[in-house]
C-alpha atoms as a PDB file:
ATOM      1  CA  MET A   1     -94.945   2.189-106.945  1.00  0.00           C
ATOM      2  CA  SER A   2     -93.160  -0.814-108.426  1.00  0.00           C
ATOM      3  CA  VAL A   3     -89.849   0.376-106.993  1.00  0.00           C
ATOM      4  CA  ILE A   4     -91.307   0.326-103.487  1.00  0.00           C
ATOM      5  CA  VAL A   5     -92.690  -3.163-104.078  1.00  0.00           C
ATOM      6  CA  GLU A   6     -89.267  -4.348-105.250  1.00  0.00           C
ATOM      7  CA  ILE A   7     -87.594  -2.828-102.184  1.00  0.00           C
ATOM      8  CA  ILE A   8     -90.141  -4.499 -99.909  1.00  0.00           C
ATOM      9  CA  ASN A   9     -89.668  -7.844-101.668  1.00  0.00           C
ATOM     10  CA  THR A  10     -85.903  -7.508-101.365  1.00  0.00           C
ATOM     11  CA  LEU A  11     -86.211  -6.703 -97.656  1.00  0.00           C
ATOM     12  CA  GLU A  12     -88.551  -9.652 -97.109  1.00  0.00           C
ATOM     13  CA  ASN A  13     -86.068 -11.962 -98.848  1.00  0.00           C
ATOM     14  CA  LYS A  14     -83.178 -10.654 -96.780  1.00  0.00           C
ATOM     15  CA  ILE A  15     -85.185 -10.990 -93.556  1.00  0.00           C
ATOM     16  CA  GLU A  16     -86.173 -14.538 -94.496  1.00  0.00           C
ATOM     17  CA  LYS A  17     -82.526 -15.414 -95.170  1.00  0.00           C
ATOM     18  CA  LEU A  18     -81.547 -13.895 -91.825  1.00  0.00           C
ATOM     19  CA  PHE A  19     -84.150 -16.000 -90.012  1.00  0.00           C
ATOM     20  CA  GLU A  20     -82.867 -19.104 -91.791  1.00  0.00           C
ATOM     21  CA  LYS A  21     -79.321 -18.192 -90.799  1.00  0.00           C
ATOM     22  CA  ILE A  22     -80.386 -17.621 -87.173  1.00  0.00           C
ATOM     23  CA  THR A  23     -82.135 -21.002 -87.098  1.00  0.00           C
ATOM     24  CA  SER A  24     -79.087 -22.672 -88.596  1.00  0.00           C
ATOM     25  CA  LEU A  25     -76.767 -21.036 -86.065  1.00  0.00           C
ATOM     26  CA  GLU A  26     -79.053 -22.003 -83.173  1.00  0.00           C
ATOM     27  CA  ASN A  27     -78.980 -25.626 -84.363  1.00  0.00           C
ATOM     28  CA  ILE A  28     -75.194 -25.545 -84.637  1.00  0.00           C
ATOM     29  CA  SER A  29     -74.965 -23.987 -81.184  1.00  0.00           C
ATOM     30  CA  GLN A  30     -77.181 -26.712 -79.711  1.00  0.00           C
ATOM     31  CA  ASP A  31     -75.083 -29.422 -81.379  1.00  0.00           C
ATOM     32  CA  LEU A  32     -71.903 -27.864 -80.018  1.00  0.00           C
ATOM     33  CA  LYS A  33     -73.364 -27.710 -76.504  1.00  0.00           C
ATOM     34  CA  ILE A  34     -74.210 -31.419 -76.690  1.00  0.00           C
ATOM     35  CA  GLU A  35     -70.731 -32.215 -77.971  1.00  0.00           C
ATOM     36  CA  LEU A  36     -69.184 -30.138 -75.181  1.00  0.00           C
ATOM     37  CA  THR A  37     -71.221 -31.993 -72.568  1.00  0.00           C
ATOM     38  CA  LYS A  38     -70.109 -35.337 -73.986  1.00  0.00           C
ATOM     39  CA  SER A  39     -66.478 -34.208 -74.096  1.00  0.00           C
ATOM     40  CA  THR A  40     -66.636 -32.993 -70.520  1.00  0.00           C
ATOM     41  CA  ALA A  41     -68.026 -36.350 -69.399  1.00  0.00           C
ATOM     42  CA  ILE A  42     -65.280 -38.186 -71.277  1.00  0.00           C
ATOM     43  CA  ILE A  43     -62.586 -35.979 -69.730  1.00  0.00           C
ATOM     44  CA  GLN A  44     -64.006 -36.550 -66.254  1.00  0.00           C
ATOM     45  CA  THR A  45     -64.069 -40.315 -66.775  1.00  0.00           C
ATOM     46  CA  GLN A  46     -60.528 -40.327 -68.095  1.00  0.00           C
ATOM     47  CA  SER A  47     -59.325 -38.220 -65.152  1.00  0.00           C
ATOM     48  CA  GLN A  48     -60.800 -40.749 -62.745  1.00  0.00           C
ATOM     49  CA  GLU A  49     -59.166 -43.591 -64.654  1.00  0.00           C
ATOM     50  CA  ILE A  50     -55.827 -41.781 -64.491  1.00  0.00           C
ATOM     51  CA  GLU A  51     -56.106 -41.434 -60.724  1.00  0.00           C
ATOM     52  CA  VAL A  52     -56.912 -45.150 -60.360  1.00  0.00           C
ATOM     53  CA  LEU A  53     -53.982 -46.077 -62.590  1.00  0.00           C
ATOM     54  CA  LYS A  54     -51.626 -43.828 -60.613  1.00  0.00           C
ATOM     55  CA  ALA A  55     -52.657 -45.558 -57.392  1.00  0.00           C
ATOM     56  CA  GLN A  56     -52.169 -48.965 -59.007  1.00  0.00           C
ATOM     57  CA  TYR A  57     -48.762 -47.896 -60.286  1.00  0.00           C
ATOM     58  CA  GLU A  58     -47.654 -46.820 -56.809  1.00  0.00           C
ATOM     59  CA  THR A  59     -48.853 -50.127 -55.385  1.00  0.00           C
ATOM     60  CA  LEU A  60     -46.956 -52.028 -58.066  1.00  0.00           C
ATOM     61  CA  LYS A  61     -43.801 -50.039 -57.373  1.00  0.00           C
ATOM     62  CA  ILE A  62     -43.961 -50.955 -53.691  1.00  0.00           C
ATOM     63  CA  THR A  63     -44.757 -54.581 -54.502  1.00  0.00           C
ATOM     64  CA  ASN A  64     -41.824 -54.822 -56.899  1.00  0.00           C
ATOM     65  CA  ALA A  65     -39.518 -53.352 -54.298  1.00  0.00           C
ATOM     66  CA  LEU A  66     -40.727 -55.855 -51.712  1.00  0.00           C
ATOM     67  CA  LEU A  67     -40.110 -58.664 -54.169  1.00  0.00           C
ATOM     68  CA  GLY A  68     -36.510 -57.627 -54.595  1.00  0.00           C
ATOM     69  CA  SER A  69     -36.561 -55.030 -57.338  1.00  0.00           C
ATOM     70  CA  GLU A  70     -33.580 -52.714 -56.954  1.00  0.00           C
ATOM     71  CA  GLU A  71     -35.265 -49.732 -58.629  1.00  0.00           C
ATOM     72  CA  ASN A  72     -37.730 -48.830 -55.884  1.00  0.00           C
ATOM     73  CA  LYS A  73     -36.038 -50.310 -52.841  1.00  0.00           C
ATOM     74  CA  ARG A  74     -35.301 -46.933 -51.272  1.00  0.00           C
ATOM     75  CA  ASP A  75     -38.931 -45.781 -51.612  1.00  0.00           C
ATOM     76  CA  THR A  76     -40.154 -49.002 -50.053  1.00  0.00           C
ATOM     77  CA  LYS A  77     -37.742 -48.728 -47.125  1.00  0.00           C
ATOM     78  CA  LEU A  78     -38.908 -45.171 -46.508  1.00  0.00           C
ATOM     79  CA  LYS A  79     -42.543 -46.239 -46.624  1.00  0.00           C
ATOM     80  CA  ILE A  80     -41.924 -49.162 -44.235  1.00  0.00           C
ATOM     81  CA  ASN A  81     -40.020 -46.895 -41.843  1.00  0.00           C
ATOM     82  CA  SER A  82     -42.872 -44.406 -41.949  1.00  0.00           C
ATOM     83  CA  LEU A  83     -45.386 -47.151 -41.163  1.00  0.00           C
ATOM     84  CA  ILE A  84     -43.226 -48.421 -38.283  1.00  0.00           C
ATOM     85  CA  ARG A  85     -43.042 -44.903 -36.814  1.00  0.00           C
ATOM     86  CA  GLU A  86     -46.830 -44.600 -37.050  1.00  0.00           C
ATOM     87  CA  ILE A  87     -47.280 -47.971 -35.312  1.00  0.00           C
ATOM     88  CA  ASP A  88     -44.799 -46.977 -32.577  1.00  0.00           C
ATOM     89  CA  TYR A  89     -46.676 -43.718 -32.077  1.00  0.00           C
ATOM     90  CA  CYS A  90     -49.988 -45.581 -31.766  1.00  0.00           C
ATOM     91  CA  ILE A  91     -48.486 -48.022 -29.248  1.00  0.00           C
ATOM     92  CA  ALA A  92     -47.094 -45.111 -27.243  1.00  0.00           C
ATOM     93  CA  GLN A  93     -50.518 -43.467 -27.229  1.00  0.00           C
ATOM     94  CA  LEU A  94     -52.149 -46.673 -26.030  1.00  0.00           C
ATOM     95  CA  SER A  95     -49.564 -47.106 -23.277  1.00  0.00           C
ATOM     96  CA  ASP A  96     -50.307 -43.693 -21.750  1.00  0.00           C
END
């Protein structure tokens, strides 16, 4: 009879340890989900900041070219020519 009691006690201990392990893993999983959510939010914010900075950079390139910078002069001329063509097209549309 004592052997059966020992086996039952051993099983109870193992089951208790398994429940503790499950609880621990659930807590870790929850913490990781929270961390993932925070990281995703940070990545999204940084992506938006990158897009804003890219737009600002393009504006600065054009501004520098207009102010006489030799580096981006060609890009600025192309942009101005494109704008002039668009304006001409609009005027032509209004004239018809």
